[in-house]
């Protein structure tokens, strides 16, 4: 199963999104996260 983090692409902290990888690494924060997937299941506020 897959693990992943879904990022809000329209988050103002990530603007401008010309280089998505650099924007996420350098400017994303907890407010930029839309959802988290663990073992193929979307986790809502529980780890």
PDB file of N, CA and C in Angstrom:
ATOM      1  N   UNK A   1       0.830  -1.188   0.000  1.00  0.00           N
ATOM      2  CA  UNK A   1       0.000   0.000   0.000  1.00  0.00           C
ATOM      3  C   UNK A   1       0.872   1.248   0.000  1.00  0.00           C
ATOM      4  N   UNK A   2       0.267   2.344  -0.362  1.00  0.00           N
ATOM      5  CA  UNK A   2       1.021   3.592  -0.518  1.00  0.00           C
ATOM      6  C   UNK A   2       0.843   4.530   0.668  1.00  0.00           C
ATOM      7  N   UNK A   3       1.897   5.284   0.956  1.00  0.00           N
ATOM      8  CA  UNK A   3       1.854   6.382   1.910  1.00  0.00           C
ATOM      9  C   UNK A   3       2.075   7.653   1.107  1.00  0.00           C
ATOM     10  N   UNK A   4       1.401   8.714   1.489  1.00  0.00           N
ATOM     11  CA  UNK A   4       1.580   9.963   0.754  1.00  0.00           C
ATOM     12  C   UNK A   4       1.016  11.145   1.502  1.00  0.00           C
ATOM     13  N   UNK A   5       1.423  12.314   1.080  1.00  0.00           N
ATOM     14  CA  UNK A   5       0.921  13.572   1.621  1.00  0.00           C
ATOM     15  C   UNK A   5       0.365  14.368   0.449  1.00  0.00           C
ATOM     16  N   UNK A   6      -0.849  14.865   0.598  1.00  0.00           N
ATOM     17  CA  UNK A   6      -1.490  15.665  -0.434  1.00  0.00           C
ATOM     18  C   UNK A   6      -1.382  17.132  -0.037  1.00  0.00           C
ATOM     19  N   UNK A   7      -0.779  17.928  -0.912  1.00  0.00           N
ATOM     20  CA  UNK A   7      -0.509  19.337  -0.646  1.00  0.00           C
ATOM     21  C   UNK A   7      -1.510  20.200  -1.415  1.00  0.00           C
ATOM     22  N   UNK A   8      -1.996  21.267  -0.772  1.00  0.00           N
ATOM     23  CA  UNK A   8      -2.886  22.223  -1.439  1.00  0.00           C
ATOM     24  C   UNK A   8      -2.066  23.041  -2.434  1.00  0.00           C
ATOM     25  N   UNK A   9      -2.339  22.876  -3.707  1.00  0.00           N
ATOM     26  CA  UNK A   9      -1.544  23.580  -4.719  1.00  0.00           C
ATOM     27  C   UNK A   9      -1.842  25.067  -4.763  1.00  0.00           C
ATOM     28  N   UNK A  10      -2.985  25.493  -4.226  1.00  0.00           N
ATOM     29  CA  UNK A  10      -3.330  26.913  -4.248  1.00  0.00           C
ATOM     30  C   UNK A  10      -2.996  27.622  -2.935  1.00  0.00           C
ATOM     31  N   UNK A  11      -2.221  26.982  -2.056  1.00  0.00           N
ATOM     32  CA  UNK A  11      -1.810  27.585  -0.786  1.00  0.00           C
ATOM     33  C   UNK A  11      -0.933  28.805  -1.069  1.00  0.00           C
ATOM     34  N   UNK A  12      -1.242  29.920  -0.442  1.00  0.00           N
ATOM     35  CA  UNK A  12      -0.494  31.157  -0.688  1.00  0.00           C
ATOM     36  C   UNK A  12       0.965  31.053  -0.270  1.00  0.00           C
ATOM     37  N   UNK A  13       1.286  30.197   0.705  1.00  0.00           N
ATOM     38  CA  UNK A  13       2.678  30.025   1.119  1.00  0.00           C
ATOM     39  C   UNK A  13       3.532  29.414   0.011  1.00  0.00           C
ATOM     40  N   UNK A  14       2.912  28.714  -0.919  1.00  0.00           N
ATOM     41  CA  UNK A  14       3.650  28.050  -1.992  1.00  0.00           C
ATOM     42  C   UNK A  14       3.735  28.890  -3.263  1.00  0.00           C
ATOM     43  N   UNK A  15       3.102  30.035  -3.267  1.00  0.00           N
ATOM     44  CA  UNK A  15       3.063  30.894  -4.453  1.00  0.00           C
ATOM     45  C   UNK A  15       4.363  31.664  -4.619  1.00  0.00           C
ATOM     46  N   UNK A  16       4.989  31.789  -5.738  1.00  0.00           N
ATOM     47  CA  UNK A  16       4.617  31.213  -7.026  1.00  0.00           C
ATOM     48  C   UNK A  16       5.069  29.755  -7.108  1.00  0.00           C
ATOM     49  N   UNK A  17       4.309  28.952  -7.797  1.00  0.00           N
ATOM     50  CA  UNK A  17       4.560  27.516  -7.877  1.00  0.00           C
ATOM     51  C   UNK A  17       5.247  27.163  -9.198  1.00  0.00           C
ATOM     52  N   UNK A  18       6.275  27.913  -9.558  1.00  0.00           N
ATOM     53  CA  UNK A  18       7.014  27.647 -10.796  1.00  0.00           C
ATOM     54  C   UNK A  18       7.864  26.390 -10.661  1.00  0.00           C
ATOM     55  N   UNK A  19       8.400  26.154  -9.476  1.00  0.00           N
ATOM     56  CA  UNK A  19       9.185  24.950  -9.201  1.00  0.00           C
ATOM     57  C   UNK A  19       8.523  24.247  -8.013  1.00  0.00           C
ATOM     58  N   UNK A  20       7.561  23.342  -8.268  1.00  0.00           N
ATOM     59  CA  UNK A  20       6.791  22.720  -7.189  1.00  0.00           C
ATOM     60  C   UNK A  20       7.645  22.020  -6.138  1.00  0.00           C
ATOM     61  N   UNK A  21       8.685  21.311  -6.556  1.00  0.00           N
ATOM     62  CA  UNK A  21       9.521  20.587  -5.590  1.00  0.00           C
ATOM     63  C   UNK A  21      10.184  21.548  -4.618  1.00  0.00           C
ATOM     64  N   UNK A  22      10.787  22.601  -5.114  1.00  0.00           N
ATOM     65  CA  UNK A  22      11.457  23.579  -4.252  1.00  0.00           C
ATOM     66  C   UNK A  22      10.449  24.306  -3.369  1.00  0.00           C
ATOM     67  N   UNK A  23       9.293  24.648  -3.909  1.00  0.00           N
ATOM     68  CA  UNK A  23       8.273  25.341  -3.126  1.00  0.00           C
ATOM     69  C   UNK A  23       7.807  24.495  -1.952  1.00  0.00           C
ATOM     70  N   UNK A  24       7.558  23.215  -2.191  1.00  0.00           N
ATOM     71  CA  UNK A  24       7.093  22.325  -1.122  1.00  0.00           C
ATOM     72  C   UNK A  24       8.178  22.133  -0.073  1.00  0.00           C
ATOM     73  N   UNK A  25       9.400  21.891  -0.494  1.00  0.00           N
ATOM     74  CA  UNK A  25      10.495  21.645   0.449  1.00  0.00           C
ATOM     75  C   UNK A  25      10.797  22.877   1.290  1.00  0.00           C
ATOM     76  N   UNK A  26      10.812  24.052   0.677  1.00  0.00           N
ATOM     77  CA  UNK A  26      11.264  25.251   1.370  1.00  0.00           C
ATOM     78  C   UNK A  26      10.153  26.064   2.026  1.00  0.00           C
ATOM     79  N   UNK A  27       8.903  25.971   1.528  1.00  0.00           N
ATOM     80  CA  UNK A  27       7.877  26.876   2.037  1.00  0.00           C
ATOM     81  C   UNK A  27       6.619  26.204   2.566  1.00  0.00           C
ATOM     82  N   UNK A  28       6.443  24.924   2.364  1.00  0.00           N
ATOM     83  CA  UNK A  28       5.237  24.260   2.864  1.00  0.00           C
ATOM     84  C   UNK A  28       5.275  24.174   4.383  1.00  0.00           C
ATOM     85  N   UNK A  29       4.097  24.246   4.996  1.00  0.00           N
ATOM     86  CA  UNK A  29       3.973  24.081   6.442  1.00  0.00           C
ATOM     87  C   UNK A  29       2.744  23.221   6.718  1.00  0.00           C
ATOM     88  N   UNK A  30       2.376  23.068   7.985  1.00  0.00           N
ATOM     89  CA  UNK A  30       1.252  22.187   8.322  1.00  0.00           C
ATOM     90  C   UNK A  30      -0.058  22.657   7.705  1.00  0.00           C
ATOM     91  N   UNK A  31      -0.199  23.949   7.425  1.00  0.00           N
ATOM     92  CA  UNK A  31      -1.412  24.464   6.793  1.00  0.00           C
ATOM     93  C   UNK A  31      -1.477  24.126   5.307  1.00  0.00           C
ATOM     94  N   UNK A  32      -0.374  23.722   4.722  1.00  0.00           N
ATOM     95  CA  UNK A  32      -0.317  23.375   3.302  1.00  0.00           C
ATOM     96  C   UNK A  32      -0.814  21.958   3.034  1.00  0.00           C
ATOM     97  N   UNK A  33      -0.967  21.155   4.080  1.00  0.00           N
ATOM     98  CA  UNK A  33      -1.342  19.746   3.923  1.00  0.00           C
ATOM     99  C   UNK A  33      -2.853  19.610   3.801  1.00  0.00           C
ATOM    100  N   UNK A  34      -3.285  18.951   2.745  1.00  0.00           N
ATOM    101  CA  UNK A  34      -4.710  18.706   2.520  1.00  0.00           C
ATOM    102  C   UNK A  34      -5.131  17.374   3.136  1.00  0.00           C
ATOM    103  N   UNK A  35      -4.309  16.340   2.973  1.00  0.00           N
ATOM    104  CA  UNK A  35      -4.625  15.014   3.501  1.00  0.00           C
ATOM    105  C   UNK A  35      -3.347  14.188   3.593  1.00  0.00           C
ATOM    106  N   UNK A  36      -3.417  13.146   4.419  1.00  0.00           N
ATOM    107  CA  UNK A  36      -2.302  12.216   4.578  1.00  0.00           C
ATOM    108  C   UNK A  36      -2.838  10.805   4.347  1.00  0.00           C
ATOM    109  N   UNK A  37      -2.089  10.018   3.578  1.00  0.00           N
ATOM    110  CA  UNK A  37      -2.476   8.635   3.317  1.00  0.00           C
ATOM    111  C   UNK A  37      -1.424   7.710   3.924  1.00  0.00           C
ATOM    112  N   UNK A  38      -1.888   6.750   4.732  1.00  0.00           N
ATOM    113  CA  UNK A  38      -1.009   5.756   5.348  1.00  0.00           C
ATOM    114  C   UNK A  38      -1.562   4.378   5.009  1.00  0.00           C
ATOM    115  N   UNK A  39      -0.724   3.546   4.417  1.00  0.00           N
ATOM    116  CA  UNK A  39      -1.108   2.197   3.997  1.00  0.00           C
ATOM    117  C   UNK A  39      -2.375   2.207   3.151  1.00  0.00           C
ATOM    118  N   UNK A  40      -2.477   3.196   2.262  1.00  0.00           N
ATOM    119  CA  UNK A  40      -3.596   3.273   1.342  1.00  0.00           C
ATOM    120  C   UNK A  40      -4.872   3.849   1.917  1.00  0.00           C
ATOM    121  N   UNK A  41      -4.861   4.312   3.170  1.00  0.00           N
ATOM    122  CA  UNK A  41      -6.052   4.849   3.823  1.00  0.00           C
ATOM    123  C   UNK A  41      -5.825   6.312   4.195  1.00  0.00           C
ATOM    124  N   UNK A  42      -6.811   7.160   3.864  1.00  0.00           N
ATOM    125  CA  UNK A  42      -6.727   8.573   4.233  1.00  0.00           C
ATOM    126  C   UNK A  42      -6.923   8.682   5.743  1.00  0.00           C
ATOM    127  N   UNK A  43      -5.988   9.362   6.400  1.00  0.00           N
ATOM    128  CA  UNK A  43      -6.014   9.530   7.851  1.00  0.00           C
ATOM    129  C   UNK A  43      -6.517  10.938   8.154  1.00  0.00           C
ATOM    130  N   UNK A  44      -7.499  11.048   9.023  1.00  0.00           N
ATOM    131  CA  UNK A  44      -8.079  12.341   9.391  1.00  0.00           C
ATOM    132  C   UNK A  44      -7.778  12.651  10.850  1.00  0.00           C
ATOM    133  N   UNK A  45      -6.679  13.352  11.108  1.00  0.00           N
ATOM    134  CA  UNK A  45      -6.354  13.812  12.455  1.00  0.00           C
ATOM    135  C   UNK A  45      -5.927  12.746  13.438  1.00  0.00           C
ATOM    136  N   UNK A  46      -5.575  11.570  12.980  1.00  0.00           N
ATOM    137  CA  UNK A  46      -5.121  10.514  13.888  1.00  0.00           C
ATOM    138  C   UNK A  46      -3.867   9.867  13.321  1.00  0.00           C
ATOM    139  N   UNK A  47      -2.888   9.694  14.155  1.00  0.00           N
ATOM    140  CA  UNK A  47      -1.650   9.049  13.725  1.00  0.00           C
ATOM    141  C   UNK A  47      -1.339   7.881  14.623  1.00  0.00           C
TER     142      UNK A  47
END
